[in-house]
Amino acid sequence: MKQKKDTRFWLTTFFEEQEQTKHPYKSFKREIENNGCFKVKTDTDTVKIYTPELAVIFTSKELPARNMDTQTETTINGWDYLNTYIETYKEGEQYFETEFKVSPNTLYGANAEQYVRDIHLNFFHVQHTGANEGWGYVKKQYPFILTHKAVKEFGYYSGIVNKVEEQVKKYPRLFATFDKCEHNLPPQQTETKTEQETENDFTLSTIEDWLFEFKEK
């Protein structure tokens, strides 16, 4: 069932408390630092979340927030936004498969360098949303004001980022200079891991158990 109105929520209390030791934020942060992402599995899909803030939002059933329309304090169910993220995440993956799928001609042809350069520019520099630079912004940012519209953007570009990282890992020689800037822009580094990632998937049913165990400890 779709929301009739996409209410804006300011996550003031959440941002103030996220660094406290009792908050699972730090555990999500370690998970992402160690494995590059936090994975959530549903019955049909697996998605990656790249920031601990989004991981906390999507796994919190009672998230303190301020309704910006009524200017009242309330709590919201962050899980409601996870479905929105998953839906657009798959759309982002499909977009990359359609527009940037590598072919044998690209792998071994004269256009290989241009192909990598195009993905590099889109990943690090092109302003796709008007404010955020590159697809890779989802690895560093999170929505300060929570709306389904904002989550849709994060889901969409996270799906693209996942596909880019799959390409980098699958074709390491082709993408050897992917994160190197050859123009007059500040150099940036991608957080893509080329070594075998430690698998640590979380299903919707186990997230609740995991959070409970964390609180018990």
Foldseek 3Di string as FASTA:
>chain_A
DDDPDFWKWFQVVCVVCLPPPLHCLVVLVVVCLQFVFAWEDEPVDIATQQHSVLVSLLLAQFGWIAGPVVRHIGTHGSVVLVVLLQVLLVVLLVVCCVPQNDDPCCVPHPCLLVSLVVQLQQAAADDPPVPDGHLVVSNPDDDSIDTSVRSSSSSNSSSNVVVVLVVCLVCVVSCVCSQPDPDPDDGDDDPRDNDDGDDDYHYSVCSVVVSVVSNVD
